[in-house]
C-alpha atoms as a PDB file:
ATOM      1  CA  MET A   1     -50.099  12.654  40.718  1.00  0.00           C
ATOM      2  CA  HIS A   2     -51.104  10.355  37.889  1.00  0.00           C
ATOM      3  CA  LYS A   3     -49.900  12.985  35.389  1.00  0.00           C
ATOM      4  CA  LEU A   4     -46.430  13.051  36.982  1.00  0.00           C
ATOM      5  CA  GLU A   5     -46.161   9.260  36.897  1.00  0.00           C
ATOM      6  CA  ALA A   6     -47.137   9.219  33.211  1.00  0.00           C
ATOM      7  CA  GLU A   7     -44.527  11.908  32.491  1.00  0.00           C
ATOM      8  CA  GLN A   8     -41.890   9.902  34.394  1.00  0.00           C
ATOM      9  CA  LYS A   9     -42.715   6.750  32.421  1.00  0.00           C
ATOM     10  CA  ARG A  10     -42.558   8.652  29.112  1.00  0.00           C
ATOM     11  CA  LEU A  11     -39.150  10.095  30.053  1.00  0.00           C
ATOM     12  CA  GLU A  12     -37.815   6.651  30.947  1.00  0.00           C
ATOM     13  CA  GLU A  13     -38.990   5.257  27.586  1.00  0.00           C
ATOM     14  CA  ASP A  14     -37.434   8.204  25.759  1.00  0.00           C
ATOM     15  CA  THR A  15     -34.189   7.595  27.630  1.00  0.00           C
ATOM     16  CA  LEU A  16     -34.126   3.950  26.557  1.00  0.00           C
ATOM     17  CA  VAL A  17     -34.739   4.900  22.911  1.00  0.00           C
ATOM     18  CA  TYR A  18     -32.069   7.618  23.050  1.00  0.00           C
ATOM     19  CA  ASN A  19     -29.489   5.276  24.594  1.00  0.00           C
ATOM     20  CA  ARG A  20     -30.267   2.534  22.055  1.00  0.00           C
ATOM     21  CA  LEU A  21     -29.875   4.976  19.145  1.00  0.00           C
ATOM     22  CA  GLN A  22     -26.633   6.298  20.613  1.00  0.00           C
ATOM     23  CA  GLU A  23     -25.183   2.786  20.873  1.00  0.00           C
ATOM     24  CA  GLN A  24     -26.194   2.003  17.277  1.00  0.00           C
ATOM     25  CA  LEU A  25     -24.568   5.236  16.122  1.00  0.00           C
ATOM     26  CA  LYS A  26     -21.309   4.388  17.906  1.00  0.00           C
ATOM     27  CA  LEU A  27     -21.199   1.037  16.117  1.00  0.00           C
ATOM     28  CA  SER A  28     -21.768   2.530  12.660  1.00  0.00           C
ATOM     29  CA  PRO A  29     -18.847   2.805  10.194  1.00  0.00           C
ATOM     30  CA  ALA A  30     -19.664   6.467   9.526  1.00  0.00           C
ATOM     31  CA  TYR A  31     -19.330   7.344  13.220  1.00  0.00           C
ATOM     32  CA  LYS A  32     -16.020   5.483  13.494  1.00  0.00           C
ATOM     33  CA  GLN A  33     -14.708   7.298  10.424  1.00  0.00           C
ATOM     34  CA  MET A  34     -15.858  10.637  11.835  1.00  0.00           C
ATOM     35  CA  ILE A  35     -13.964   9.942  15.080  1.00  0.00           C
ATOM     36  CA  GLU A  36     -10.803   8.953  13.153  1.00  0.00           C
ATOM     37  CA  ILE A  37     -10.964  12.154  11.098  1.00  0.00           C
ATOM     38  CA  GLY A  38     -11.407  14.193  14.276  1.00  0.00           C
ATOM     39  CA  VAL A  39      -8.345  12.571  15.846  1.00  0.00           C
ATOM     40  CA  ARG A  40      -6.249  13.258  12.732  1.00  0.00           C
ATOM     41  CA  MET A  41      -7.383  16.884  12.658  1.00  0.00           C
ATOM     42  CA  GLU A  42      -6.446  17.324  16.326  1.00  0.00           C
ATOM     43  CA  GLN A  43      -3.020  15.774  15.711  1.00  0.00           C
ATOM     44  CA  LYS A  44      -2.458  18.050  12.726  1.00  0.00           C
ATOM     45  CA  ALA A  45      -3.491  21.120  14.721  1.00  0.00           C
ATOM     46  CA  SER A  46      -1.199  20.052  17.556  1.00  0.00           C
ATOM     47  CA  SER A  47       1.780  19.574  15.233  1.00  0.00           C
ATOM     48  CA  GLU A  48       1.103  22.950  13.588  1.00  0.00           C
ATOM     49  CA  LYS A  49       1.190  24.586  17.024  1.00  0.00           C
ATOM     50  CA  LEU A  50       4.613  23.015  17.615  1.00  0.00           C
ATOM     51  CA  VAL A  51       5.857  24.426  14.309  1.00  0.00           C
ATOM     52  CA  ASP A  52       4.410  27.853  15.140  1.00  0.00           C
ATOM     53  CA  THR A  53       6.141  27.788  18.530  1.00  0.00           C
ATOM     54  CA  THR A  54       9.458  26.885  16.919  1.00  0.00           C
ATOM     55  CA  ASP A  55       9.026  29.612  14.301  1.00  0.00           C
ATOM     56  CA  ALA A  56       8.267  32.117  17.048  1.00  0.00           C
ATOM     57  CA  GLU A  57      11.461  31.114  18.872  1.00  0.00           C
ATOM     58  CA  PHE A  58      13.570  31.716  15.785  1.00  0.00           C
ATOM     59  CA  ALA A  59      11.734  34.916  14.914  1.00  0.00           C
ATOM     60  CA  SER A  60      12.595  36.388  18.322  1.00  0.00           C
ATOM     61  CA  ILE A  61      16.355  35.905  17.888  1.00  0.00           C
ATOM     62  CA  SER A  62      18.439  38.363  15.896  1.00  0.00           C
ATOM     63  CA  PHE A  63      20.748  37.305  13.102  1.00  0.00           C
ATOM     64  CA  GLU A  64      23.782  38.253  15.169  1.00  0.00           C
ATOM     65  CA  GLU A  65      22.610  36.124  18.099  1.00  0.00           C
ATOM     66  CA  LEU A  66      21.982  33.182  15.794  1.00  0.00           C
ATOM     67  CA  LEU A  67      25.421  33.599  14.232  1.00  0.00           C
ATOM     68  CA  ALA A  68      27.034  33.674  17.686  1.00  0.00           C
ATOM     69  CA  GLN A  69      25.229  30.451  18.609  1.00  0.00           C
ATOM     70  CA  GLU A  70      26.340  28.779  15.396  1.00  0.00           C
ATOM     71  CA  LYS A  71      29.965  29.770  15.984  1.00  0.00           C
ATOM     72  CA  LYS A  72      29.816  28.020  19.361  1.00  0.00           C
ATOM     73  CA  ASP A  73      28.581  24.852  17.661  1.00  0.00           C
ATOM     74  CA  SER A  74      31.226  22.100  17.707  1.00  0.00           C
ATOM     75  CA  PHE A  75      30.783  21.508  13.965  1.00  0.00           C
ATOM     76  CA  TRP A  76      32.639  24.743  13.255  1.00  0.00           C
ATOM     77  CA  GLN A  77      35.447  24.009  15.676  1.00  0.00           C
ATOM     78  CA  ARG A  78      38.532  21.849  15.225  1.00  0.00           C
ATOM     79  CA  ASN A  79      40.498  21.053  18.375  1.00  0.00           C
ATOM     80  CA  GLY A  80      38.706  23.838  20.234  1.00  0.00           C
ATOM     81  CA  LYS A  81      39.546  26.495  17.624  1.00  0.00           C
ATOM     82  CA  LEU A  82      37.295  27.967  14.980  1.00  0.00           C
ATOM     83  CA  ARG A  83      37.681  26.253  11.640  1.00  0.00           C
ATOM     84  CA  PRO A  84      37.998  28.650   8.689  1.00  0.00           C
ATOM     85  CA  CYS A  85      35.490  28.398   5.871  1.00  0.00           C
ATOM     86  CA  THR A  86      37.266  27.688   2.581  1.00  0.00           C
ATOM     87  CA  ASN A  87      35.914  28.040  -0.929  1.00  0.00           C
END
């Protein structure tokens, strides 16, 4: 029984030391910089996924389908009729 109590006390002391070290680490400039870099890397990865998704959308459409969509665009129409391209 005495051995278990000694082990319990040692674990509690180790826990206090661990928690104190963890708090000191969180307050350090290096830790804060590491967290900021991690956030930036996640944002960059997230924005790259958005670009990949957009690229995949355009890759799945044929040229003819894209051309048909562009012809429907109001930029190419004048008074509801297709505007001719002039050189």
